[in-house]
Amino acid sequence: MAKTQQKDILTRVQDLGSEALHKLAEVPGGSKLMDVANETRTRLDDVQKKLRGLDALEKRVAKLERELAKKPAASKTTASKRRTSARKPATPKKPPA
């Protein structure tokens, strides 16, 4: 009994929503709002597709990190810069005139 009442309420809400959308197209500026809503849906679909591609990239990065961790660390030789022991003489600062 409770399920049929709930279904009736949900059906009524759905009907009211569809009526409101039909009326919205008739309101001045409503068509622009509908266009923006449809465009937003399209953009969100594109973002979802790109985010799904990130999963594959994350798996590849994790695989590369594991392979890199398995390899022995190569000895790093850094070329040190030659430093001269002689410094340039400091020029005395003149007081402002």
PDB file of N, CA and C in Angstrom:
ATOM      1  N   MET A   1       0.820  -1.186   0.000  1.00  0.00           N
ATOM      2  CA  MET A   1       0.000   0.000   0.000  1.00  0.00           C
ATOM      3  C   MET A   1       0.864   1.251   0.000  1.00  0.00           C
ATOM      4  N   ALA A   2       1.918   1.270   0.816  1.00  0.00           N
ATOM      5  CA  ALA A   2       2.782   2.443   0.916  1.00  0.00           C
ATOM      6  C   ALA A   2       3.556   2.657  -0.382  1.00  0.00           C
ATOM      7  N   LYS A   3       3.918   1.562  -1.055  1.00  0.00           N
ATOM      8  CA  LYS A   3       4.667   1.690  -2.308  1.00  0.00           C
ATOM      9  C   LYS A   3       3.815   2.325  -3.398  1.00  0.00           C
ATOM     10  N   THR A   4       2.535   1.993  -3.435  1.00  0.00           N
ATOM     11  CA  THR A   4       1.672   2.579  -4.469  1.00  0.00           C
ATOM     12  C   THR A   4       1.468   4.064  -4.213  1.00  0.00           C
ATOM     13  N   GLN A   5       1.347   4.471  -2.956  1.00  0.00           N
ATOM     14  CA  GLN A   5       1.212   5.888  -2.645  1.00  0.00           C
ATOM     15  C   GLN A   5       2.494   6.634  -3.021  1.00  0.00           C
ATOM     16  N   GLN A   6       3.637   6.035  -2.690  1.00  0.00           N
ATOM     17  CA  GLN A   6       4.905   6.671  -2.997  1.00  0.00           C
ATOM     18  C   GLN A   6       5.071   6.799  -4.505  1.00  0.00           C
ATOM     19  N   LYS A   7       4.686   5.786  -5.232  1.00  0.00           N
ATOM     20  CA  LYS A   7       4.787   5.821  -6.677  1.00  0.00           C
ATOM     21  C   LYS A   7       3.887   6.913  -7.241  1.00  0.00           C
ATOM     22  N   ASP A   8       2.720   7.052  -6.671  1.00  0.00           N
ATOM     23  CA  ASP A   8       1.813   8.103  -7.119  1.00  0.00           C
ATOM     24  C   ASP A   8       2.409   9.483  -6.868  1.00  0.00           C
ATOM     25  N   ILE A   9       3.034   9.674  -5.723  1.00  0.00           N
ATOM     26  CA  ILE A   9       3.656  10.959  -5.391  1.00  0.00           C
ATOM     27  C   ILE A   9       4.799  11.243  -6.359  1.00  0.00           C
ATOM     28  N   LEU A  10       5.643  10.236  -6.609  1.00  0.00           N
ATOM     29  CA  LEU A  10       6.760  10.436  -7.533  1.00  0.00           C
ATOM     30  C   LEU A  10       6.261  10.719  -8.942  1.00  0.00           C
ATOM     31  N   THR A  11       5.206  10.063  -9.345  1.00  0.00           N
ATOM     32  CA  THR A  11       4.631  10.302 -10.665  1.00  0.00           C
ATOM     33  C   THR A  11       4.095  11.726 -10.751  1.00  0.00           C
ATOM     34  N   ARG A  12       3.462  12.188  -9.696  1.00  0.00           N
ATOM     35  CA  ARG A  12       2.928  13.548  -9.676  1.00  0.00           C
ATOM     36  C   ARG A  12       4.050  14.576  -9.748  1.00  0.00           C
ATOM     37  N   VAL A  13       5.122  14.339  -9.015  1.00  0.00           N
ATOM     38  CA  VAL A  13       6.272  15.258  -9.055  1.00  0.00           C
ATOM     39  C   VAL A  13       6.879  15.281 -10.458  1.00  0.00           C
ATOM     40  N   GLN A  14       6.976  14.136 -11.063  1.00  0.00           N
ATOM     41  CA  GLN A  14       7.518  14.046 -12.418  1.00  0.00           C
ATOM     42  C   GLN A  14       6.630  14.803 -13.401  1.00  0.00           C
ATOM     43  N   ASP A  15       5.338  14.638 -13.273  1.00  0.00           N
ATOM     44  CA  ASP A  15       4.409  15.340 -14.157  1.00  0.00           C
ATOM     45  C   ASP A  15       4.511  16.849 -13.978  1.00  0.00           C
ATOM     46  N   LEU A  16       4.609  17.283 -12.732  1.00  0.00           N
ATOM     47  CA  LEU A  16       4.748  18.723 -12.469  1.00  0.00           C
ATOM     48  C   LEU A  16       6.046  19.261 -13.053  1.00  0.00           C
ATOM     49  N   GLY A  17       7.118  18.469 -12.967  1.00  0.00           N
ATOM     50  CA  GLY A  17       8.402  18.894 -13.517  1.00  0.00           C
ATOM     51  C   GLY A  17       8.343  19.029 -15.021  1.00  0.00           C
ATOM     52  N   SER A  18       7.704  18.103 -15.685  1.00  0.00           N
ATOM     53  CA  SER A  18       7.620  18.177 -17.149  1.00  0.00           C
ATOM     54  C   SER A  18       6.742  19.344 -17.576  1.00  0.00           C
ATOM     55  N   GLU A  19       5.671  19.616 -16.824  1.00  0.00           N
ATOM     56  CA  GLU A  19       4.836  20.772 -17.137  1.00  0.00           C
ATOM     57  C   GLU A  19       5.620  22.064 -16.963  1.00  0.00           C
ATOM     58  N   ALA A  20       6.404  22.135 -15.905  1.00  0.00           N
ATOM     59  CA  ALA A  20       7.204  23.336 -15.662  1.00  0.00           C
ATOM     60  C   ALA A  20       8.212  23.547 -16.780  1.00  0.00           C
ATOM     61  N   LEU A  21       8.811  22.484 -17.283  1.00  0.00           N
ATOM     62  CA  LEU A  21       9.773  22.626 -18.380  1.00  0.00           C
ATOM     63  C   LEU A  21       9.093  23.114 -19.654  1.00  0.00           C
ATOM     64  N   HIS A  22       7.889  22.631 -19.907  1.00  0.00           N
ATOM     65  CA  HIS A  22       7.157  23.088 -21.095  1.00  0.00           C
ATOM     66  C   HIS A  22       6.789  24.557 -20.965  1.00  0.00           C
ATOM     67  N   LYS A  23       6.396  24.976 -19.769  1.00  0.00           N
ATOM     68  CA  LYS A  23       6.048  26.385 -19.549  1.00  0.00           C
ATOM     69  C   LYS A  23       7.286  27.275 -19.607  1.00  0.00           C
ATOM     70  N   LEU A  24       8.412  26.738 -19.211  1.00  0.00           N
ATOM     71  CA  LEU A  24       9.648  27.521 -19.194  1.00  0.00           C
ATOM     72  C   LEU A  24      10.034  27.974 -20.594  1.00  0.00           C
ATOM     73  N   ALA A  25       9.775  27.159 -21.572  1.00  0.00           N
ATOM     74  CA  ALA A  25      10.100  27.529 -22.952  1.00  0.00           C
ATOM     75  C   ALA A  25       9.264  28.712 -23.421  1.00  0.00           C
ATOM     76  N   GLU A  26       8.077  28.893 -22.843  1.00  0.00           N
ATOM     77  CA  GLU A  26       7.202  29.985 -23.238  1.00  0.00           C
ATOM     78  C   GLU A  26       7.560  31.310 -22.562  1.00  0.00           C
ATOM     79  N   VAL A  27       8.246  31.265 -21.452  1.00  0.00           N
ATOM     80  CA  VAL A  27       8.616  32.460 -20.700  1.00  0.00           C
ATOM     81  C   VAL A  27       9.723  33.202 -21.456  1.00  0.00           C
ATOM     82  N   PRO A  28       9.683  34.555 -21.471  1.00  0.00           N
ATOM     83  CA  PRO A  28      10.770  35.293 -22.129  1.00  0.00           C
ATOM     84  C   PRO A  28      12.115  34.956 -21.482  1.00  0.00           C
ATOM     85  N   GLY A  29      13.092  34.598 -22.289  1.00  0.00           N
ATOM     86  CA  GLY A  29      14.398  34.201 -21.779  1.00  0.00           C
ATOM     87  C   GLY A  29      14.470  32.743 -21.396  1.00  0.00           C
ATOM     88  N   GLY A  30      13.361  32.074 -21.378  1.00  0.00           N
ATOM     89  CA  GLY A  30      13.332  30.665 -20.998  1.00  0.00           C
ATOM     90  C   GLY A  30      14.022  29.783 -22.010  1.00  0.00           C
ATOM     91  N   SER A  31      13.904  30.163 -23.290  1.00  0.00           N
ATOM     92  CA  SER A  31      14.555  29.352 -24.324  1.00  0.00           C
ATOM     93  C   SER A  31      16.076  29.423 -24.177  1.00  0.00           C
ATOM     94  N   LYS A  32      16.575  30.602 -23.775  1.00  0.00           N
ATOM     95  CA  LYS A  32      18.027  30.713 -23.553  1.00  0.00           C
ATOM     96  C   LYS A  32      18.452  29.824 -22.392  1.00  0.00           C
ATOM     97  N   LEU A  33      17.638  29.797 -21.360  1.00  0.00           N
ATOM     98  CA  LEU A  33      17.943  28.954 -20.202  1.00  0.00           C
ATOM     99  C   LEU A  33      17.957  27.484 -20.596  1.00  0.00           C
ATOM    100  N   MET A  34      17.027  27.093 -21.426  1.00  0.00           N
ATOM    101  CA  MET A  34      16.993  25.704 -21.889  1.00  0.00           C
ATOM    102  C   MET A  34      18.220  25.390 -22.744  1.00  0.00           C
ATOM    103  N   ASP A  35      18.628  26.344 -23.588  1.00  0.00           N
ATOM    104  CA  ASP A  35      19.826  26.143 -24.411  1.00  0.00           C
ATOM    105  C   ASP A  35      21.060  25.970 -23.530  1.00  0.00           C
ATOM    106  N   VAL A  36      21.167  26.813 -22.496  1.00  0.00           N
ATOM    107  CA  VAL A  36      22.314  26.710 -21.580  1.00  0.00           C
ATOM    108  C   VAL A  36      22.299  25.366 -20.860  1.00  0.00           C
ATOM    109  N   ALA A  37      21.131  24.920 -20.448  1.00  0.00           N
ATOM    110  CA  ALA A  37      21.025  23.633 -19.752  1.00  0.00           C
ATOM    111  C   ALA A  37      21.454  22.493 -20.670  1.00  0.00           C
ATOM    112  N   ASN A  38      21.021  22.536 -21.921  1.00  0.00           N
ATOM    113  CA  ASN A  38      21.410  21.485 -22.866  1.00  0.00           C
ATOM    114  C   ASN A  38      22.901  21.538 -23.170  1.00  0.00           C
ATOM    115  N   GLU A  39      23.441  22.740 -23.291  1.00  0.00           N
ATOM    116  CA  GLU A  39      24.877  22.887 -23.558  1.00  0.00           C
ATOM    117  C   GLU A  39      25.703  22.391 -22.372  1.00  0.00           C
ATOM    118  N   THR A  40      25.209  22.679 -21.166  1.00  0.00           N
ATOM    119  CA  THR A  40      25.900  22.220 -19.961  1.00  0.00           C
ATOM    120  C   THR A  40      25.933  20.696 -19.917  1.00  0.00           C
ATOM    121  N   ARG A  41      24.836  20.079 -20.301  1.00  0.00           N
ATOM    122  CA  ARG A  41      24.790  18.612 -20.317  1.00  0.00           C
ATOM    123  C   ARG A  41      25.825  18.057 -21.284  1.00  0.00           C
ATOM    124  N   THR A  42      25.938  18.686 -22.456  1.00  0.00           N
ATOM    125  CA  THR A  42      26.914  18.238 -23.446  1.00  0.00           C
ATOM    126  C   THR A  42      28.334  18.398 -22.919  1.00  0.00           C
ATOM    127  N   ARG A  43      28.585  19.526 -22.291  1.00  0.00           N
ATOM    128  CA  ARG A  43      29.931  19.758 -21.732  1.00  0.00           C
ATOM    129  C   ARG A  43      30.257  18.768 -20.624  1.00  0.00           C
ATOM    130  N   LEU A  44      29.278  18.474 -19.786  1.00  0.00           N
ATOM    131  CA  LEU A  44      29.506  17.498 -18.714  1.00  0.00           C
ATOM    132  C   LEU A  44      29.793  16.115 -19.274  1.00  0.00           C
ATOM    133  N   ASP A  45      29.139  15.765 -20.367  1.00  0.00           N
ATOM    134  CA  ASP A  45      29.429  14.479 -21.013  1.00  0.00           C
ATOM    135  C   ASP A  45      30.872  14.438 -21.494  1.00  0.00           C
ATOM    136  N   ASP A  46      31.353  15.549 -22.078  1.00  0.00           N
ATOM    137  CA  ASP A  46      32.736  15.611 -22.540  1.00  0.00           C
ATOM    138  C   ASP A  46      33.717  15.488 -21.372  1.00  0.00           C
ATOM    139  N   VAL A  47      33.406  16.152 -20.274  1.00  0.00           N
ATOM    140  CA  VAL A  47      34.279  16.083 -19.096  1.00  0.00           C
ATOM    141  C   VAL A  47      34.315  14.661 -18.552  1.00  0.00           C
ATOM    142  N   GLN A  48      33.179  13.978 -18.552  1.00  0.00           N
ATOM    143  CA  GLN A  48      33.139  12.591 -18.075  1.00  0.00           C
ATOM    144  C   GLN A  48      34.024  11.694 -18.928  1.00  0.00           C
ATOM    145  N   LYS A  49      33.992  11.890 -20.227  1.00  0.00           N
ATOM    146  CA  LYS A  49      34.823  11.080 -21.119  1.00  0.00           C
ATOM    147  C   LYS A  49      36.298  11.317 -20.825  1.00  0.00           C
ATOM    148  N   LYS A  50      36.668  12.566 -20.608  1.00  0.00           N
ATOM    149  CA  LYS A  50      38.069  12.873 -20.316  1.00  0.00           C
ATOM    150  C   LYS A  50      38.492  12.288 -18.976  1.00  0.00           C
ATOM    151  N   LEU A  51      37.608  12.342 -17.998  1.00  0.00           N
ATOM    152  CA  LEU A  51      37.938  11.787 -16.685  1.00  0.00           C
ATOM    153  C   LEU A  51      38.093  10.278 -16.735  1.00  0.00           C
ATOM    154  N   ARG A  52      37.320   9.628 -17.580  1.00  0.00           N
ATOM    155  CA  ARG A  52      37.482   8.177 -17.728  1.00  0.00           C
ATOM    156  C   ARG A  52      38.857   7.851 -18.294  1.00  0.00           C
ATOM    157  N   GLY A  53      39.376   8.713 -19.153  1.00  0.00           N
ATOM    158  CA  GLY A  53      40.708   8.517 -19.717  1.00  0.00           C
ATOM    159  C   GLY A  53      41.801   8.669 -18.677  1.00  0.00           C
ATOM    160  N   LEU A  54      41.528   9.408 -17.607  1.00  0.00           N
ATOM    161  CA  LEU A  54      42.525   9.586 -16.554  1.00  0.00           C
ATOM    162  C   LEU A  54      42.818   8.287 -15.823  1.00  0.00           C
ATOM    163  N   ASP A  55      41.852   7.423 -15.713  1.00  0.00           N
ATOM    164  CA  ASP A  55      42.072   6.136 -15.043  1.00  0.00           C
ATOM    165  C   ASP A  55      43.168   5.343 -15.744  1.00  0.00           C
ATOM    166  N   ALA A  56      43.122   5.327 -17.068  1.00  0.00           N
ATOM    167  CA  ALA A  56      44.143   4.601 -17.821  1.00  0.00           C
ATOM    168  C   ALA A  56      45.512   5.241 -17.619  1.00  0.00           C
ATOM    169  N   LEU A  57      45.552   6.550 -17.586  1.00  0.00           N
ATOM    170  CA  LEU A  57      46.829   7.237 -17.365  1.00  0.00           C
ATOM    171  C   LEU A  57      47.372   6.956 -15.971  1.00  0.00           C
ATOM    172  N   GLU A  58      46.505   6.935 -14.979  1.00  0.00           N
ATOM    173  CA  GLU A  58      46.944   6.642 -13.617  1.00  0.00           C
ATOM    174  C   GLU A  58      47.522   5.234 -13.522  1.00  0.00           C
ATOM    175  N   LYS A  59      46.908   4.289 -14.214  1.00  0.00           N
ATOM    176  CA  LYS A  59      47.428   2.919 -14.211  1.00  0.00           C
ATOM    177  C   LYS A  59      48.806   2.864 -14.854  1.00  0.00           C
ATOM    178  N   ARG A  60      48.981   3.607 -15.964  1.00  0.00           N
ATOM    179  CA  ARG A  60      50.283   3.615 -16.636  1.00  0.00           C
ATOM    180  C   ARG A  60      51.347   4.233 -15.744  1.00  0.00           C
ATOM    181  N   VAL A  61      51.011   5.319 -15.061  1.00  0.00           N
ATOM    182  CA  VAL A  61      51.977   5.974 -14.172  1.00  0.00           C
ATOM    183  C   VAL A  61      52.343   5.047 -13.024  1.00  0.00           C
ATOM    184  N   ALA A  62      51.360   4.365 -12.451  1.00  0.00           N
ATOM    185  CA  ALA A  62      51.638   3.438 -11.351  1.00  0.00           C
ATOM    186  C   ALA A  62      52.558   2.314 -11.826  1.00  0.00           C
ATOM    187  N   LYS A  63      52.330   1.813 -13.030  1.00  0.00           N
ATOM    188  CA  LYS A  63      53.168   0.747 -13.575  1.00  0.00           C
ATOM    189  C   LYS A  63      54.601   1.245 -13.769  1.00  0.00           C
ATOM    190  N   LEU A  64      54.744   2.439 -14.321  1.00  0.00           N
ATOM    191  CA  LEU A  64      56.082   3.006 -14.520  1.00  0.00           C
ATOM    192  C   LEU A  64      56.790   3.250 -13.186  1.00  0.00           C
ATOM    193  N   GLU A  65      56.049   3.699 -12.184  1.00  0.00           N
ATOM    194  CA  GLU A  65      56.655   3.917 -10.869  1.00  0.00           C
ATOM    195  C   GLU A  65      57.145   2.601 -10.267  1.00  0.00           C
ATOM    196  N   ARG A  66      56.357   1.525 -10.427  1.00  0.00           N
ATOM    197  CA  ARG A  66      56.802   0.225  -9.910  1.00  0.00           C
ATOM    198  C   ARG A  66      58.061  -0.239 -10.628  1.00  0.00           C
ATOM    199  N   GLU A  67      58.090  -0.069 -11.963  1.00  0.00           N
ATOM    200  CA  GLU A  67      59.270  -0.482 -12.720  1.00  0.00           C
ATOM    201  C   GLU A  67      60.494   0.333 -12.318  1.00  0.00           C
ATOM    202  N   LEU A  68      60.291   1.599 -12.083  1.00  0.00           N
ATOM    203  CA  LEU A  68      61.397   2.466 -11.682  1.00  0.00           C
ATOM    204  C   LEU A  68      61.905   2.092 -10.291  1.00  0.00           C
ATOM    205  N   ALA A  69      61.006   1.706  -9.411  1.00  0.00           N
ATOM    206  CA  ALA A  69      61.399   1.310  -8.065  1.00  0.00           C
ATOM    207  C   ALA A  69      62.181  -0.006  -8.079  1.00  0.00           C
ATOM    208  N   LYS A  70      61.911  -0.880  -9.032  1.00  0.00           N
ATOM    209  CA  LYS A  70      62.604  -2.154  -9.121  1.00  0.00           C
ATOM    210  C   LYS A  70      64.042  -1.993  -9.597  1.00  0.00           C
ATOM    211  N   LYS A  71      64.286  -0.993 -10.448  1.00  0.00           N
ATOM    212  CA  LYS A  71      65.631  -0.802 -10.987  1.00  0.00           C
ATOM    213  C   LYS A  71      66.551  -0.276  -9.902  1.00  0.00           C
ATOM    214  N   PRO A  72      67.803  -0.778  -9.906  1.00  0.00           N
ATOM    215  CA  PRO A  72      68.744  -0.256  -8.907  1.00  0.00           C
ATOM    216  C   PRO A  72      69.071   1.202  -9.218  1.00  0.00           C
ATOM    217  N   ALA A  73      69.252   1.956  -8.179  1.00  0.00           N
ATOM    218  CA  ALA A  73      69.534   3.379  -8.349  1.00  0.00           C
ATOM    219  C   ALA A  73      70.914   3.532  -8.973  1.00  0.00           C
ATOM    220  N   ALA A  74      70.990   4.215 -10.076  1.00  0.00           N
ATOM    221  CA  ALA A  74      72.261   4.467 -10.747  1.00  0.00           C
ATOM    222  C   ALA A  74      73.030   5.499  -9.941  1.00  0.00           C
ATOM    223  N   SER A  75      74.337   5.321  -9.894  1.00  0.00           N
ATOM    224  CA  SER A  75      75.131   6.284  -9.133  1.00  0.00           C
ATOM    225  C   SER A  75      75.072   7.618  -9.858  1.00  0.00           C
ATOM    226  N   LYS A  76      74.714   8.615  -9.113  1.00  0.00           N
ATOM    227  CA  LYS A  76      74.574   9.937  -9.701  1.00  0.00           C
ATOM    228  C   LYS A  76      75.894  10.684  -9.551  1.00  0.00           C
ATOM    229  N   THR A  77      76.416  11.114 -10.660  1.00  0.00           N
ATOM    230  CA  THR A  77      77.630  11.923 -10.617  1.00  0.00           C
ATOM    231  C   THR A  77      77.248  13.326 -11.023  1.00  0.00           C
ATOM    232  N   THR A  78      77.481  14.215 -10.128  1.00  0.00           N
ATOM    233  CA  THR A  78      77.159  15.602 -10.427  1.00  0.00           C
ATOM    234  C   THR A  78      78.451  16.355 -10.636  1.00  0.00           C
ATOM    235  N   ALA A  79      78.466  17.098 -11.647  1.00  0.00           N
ATOM    236  CA  ALA A  79      79.636  17.913 -11.929  1.00  0.00           C
ATOM    237  C   ALA A  79      79.578  19.127 -11.028  1.00  0.00           C
ATOM    238  N   SER A  80      80.583  19.205 -10.161  1.00  0.00           N
ATOM    239  CA  SER A  80      80.599  20.364  -9.264  1.00  0.00           C
ATOM    240  C   SER A  80      81.247  21.541  -9.985  1.00  0.00           C
ATOM    241  N   LYS A  81      80.744  22.702  -9.679  1.00  0.00           N
ATOM    242  CA  LYS A  81      81.275  23.900 -10.313  1.00  0.00           C
ATOM    243  C   LYS A  81      82.602  24.252  -9.651  1.00  0.00           C
ATOM    244  N   ARG A  82      83.526  24.711 -10.466  1.00  0.00           N
ATOM    245  CA  ARG A  82      84.798  25.151  -9.905  1.00  0.00           C
ATOM    246  C   ARG A  82      84.596  26.507  -9.279  1.00  0.00           C
ATOM    247  N   ARG A  83      85.060  26.607  -8.098  1.00  0.00           N
ATOM    248  CA  ARG A  83      84.950  27.874  -7.393  1.00  0.00           C
ATOM    249  C   ARG A  83      86.338  28.443  -7.224  1.00  0.00           C
ATOM    250  N   THR A  84      86.423  29.696  -7.445  1.00  0.00           N
ATOM    251  CA  THR A  84      87.724  30.342  -7.265  1.00  0.00           C
ATOM    252  C   THR A  84      87.792  30.883  -5.849  1.00  0.00           C
ATOM    253  N   SER A  85      89.002  30.836  -5.320  1.00  0.00           N
ATOM    254  CA  SER A  85      89.156  31.296  -3.953  1.00  0.00           C
ATOM    255  C   SER A  85      89.283  32.811  -3.885  1.00  0.00           C
ATOM    256  N   ALA A  86      89.633  33.433  -4.973  1.00  0.00           N
ATOM    257  CA  ALA A  86      89.784  34.886  -4.961  1.00  0.00           C
ATOM    258  C   ALA A  86      88.432  35.541  -5.190  1.00  0.00           C
ATOM    259  N   ARG A  87      88.145  36.485  -4.352  1.00  0.00           N
ATOM    260  CA  ARG A  87      86.909  37.234  -4.487  1.00  0.00           C
ATOM    261  C   ARG A  87      87.195  38.607  -5.059  1.00  0.00           C
ATOM    262  N   LYS A  88      86.177  39.164  -5.652  1.00  0.00           N
ATOM    263  CA  LYS A  88      86.331  40.510  -6.145  1.00  0.00           C
ATOM    264  C   LYS A  88      86.360  41.452  -4.965  1.00  0.00           C
ATOM    265  N   PRO A  89      87.190  42.458  -5.014  1.00  0.00           N
ATOM    266  CA  PRO A  89      87.215  43.398  -3.893  1.00  0.00           C
ATOM    267  C   PRO A  89      85.920  44.191  -3.838  1.00  0.00           C
ATOM    268  N   ALA A  90      85.437  44.348  -2.641  1.00  0.00           N
ATOM    269  CA  ALA A  90      84.183  45.070  -2.463  1.00  0.00           C
ATOM    270  C   ALA A  90      84.430  46.551  -2.661  1.00  0.00           C
ATOM    271  N   THR A  91      83.584  47.172  -3.426  1.00  0.00           N
ATOM    272  CA  THR A  91      83.721  48.627  -3.642  1.00  0.00           C
ATOM    273  C   THR A  91      82.999  49.346  -2.536  1.00  0.00           C
ATOM    274  N   PRO A  92      83.659  50.307  -1.930  1.00  0.00           N
ATOM    275  CA  PRO A  92      83.001  51.027  -0.820  1.00  0.00           C
ATOM    276  C   PRO A  92      81.827  51.838  -1.370  1.00  0.00           C
ATOM    277  N   LYS A  93      80.783  51.839  -0.588  1.00  0.00           N
ATOM    278  CA  LYS A  93      79.594  52.598  -0.986  1.00  0.00           C
ATOM    279  C   LYS A  93      79.799  54.060  -0.636  1.00  0.00           C
ATOM    280  N   LYS A  94      79.401  54.894  -1.559  1.00  0.00           N
ATOM    281  CA  LYS A  94      79.506  56.321  -1.322  1.00  0.00           C
ATOM    282  C   LYS A  94      78.189  56.797  -0.721  1.00  0.00           C
ATOM    283  N   PRO A  95      78.251  57.680   0.257  1.00  0.00           N
ATOM    284  CA  PRO A  95      77.007  58.189   0.833  1.00  0.00           C
ATOM    285  C   PRO A  95      76.274  59.045  -0.208  1.00  0.00           C
ATOM    286  N   PRO A  96      74.976  59.046  -0.172  1.00  0.00           N
ATOM    287  CA  PRO A  96      74.234  59.848  -1.127  1.00  0.00           C
ATOM    288  C   PRO A  96      74.495  61.331  -0.918  1.00  0.00           C
ATOM    289  N   ALA A  97      74.593  62.053  -2.011  1.00  0.00           N
ATOM    290  CA  ALA A  97      74.902  63.475  -1.916  1.00  0.00           C
ATOM    291  C   ALA A  97      73.675  64.301  -1.693  1.00  0.00           C
TER     292      ALA A  97
END
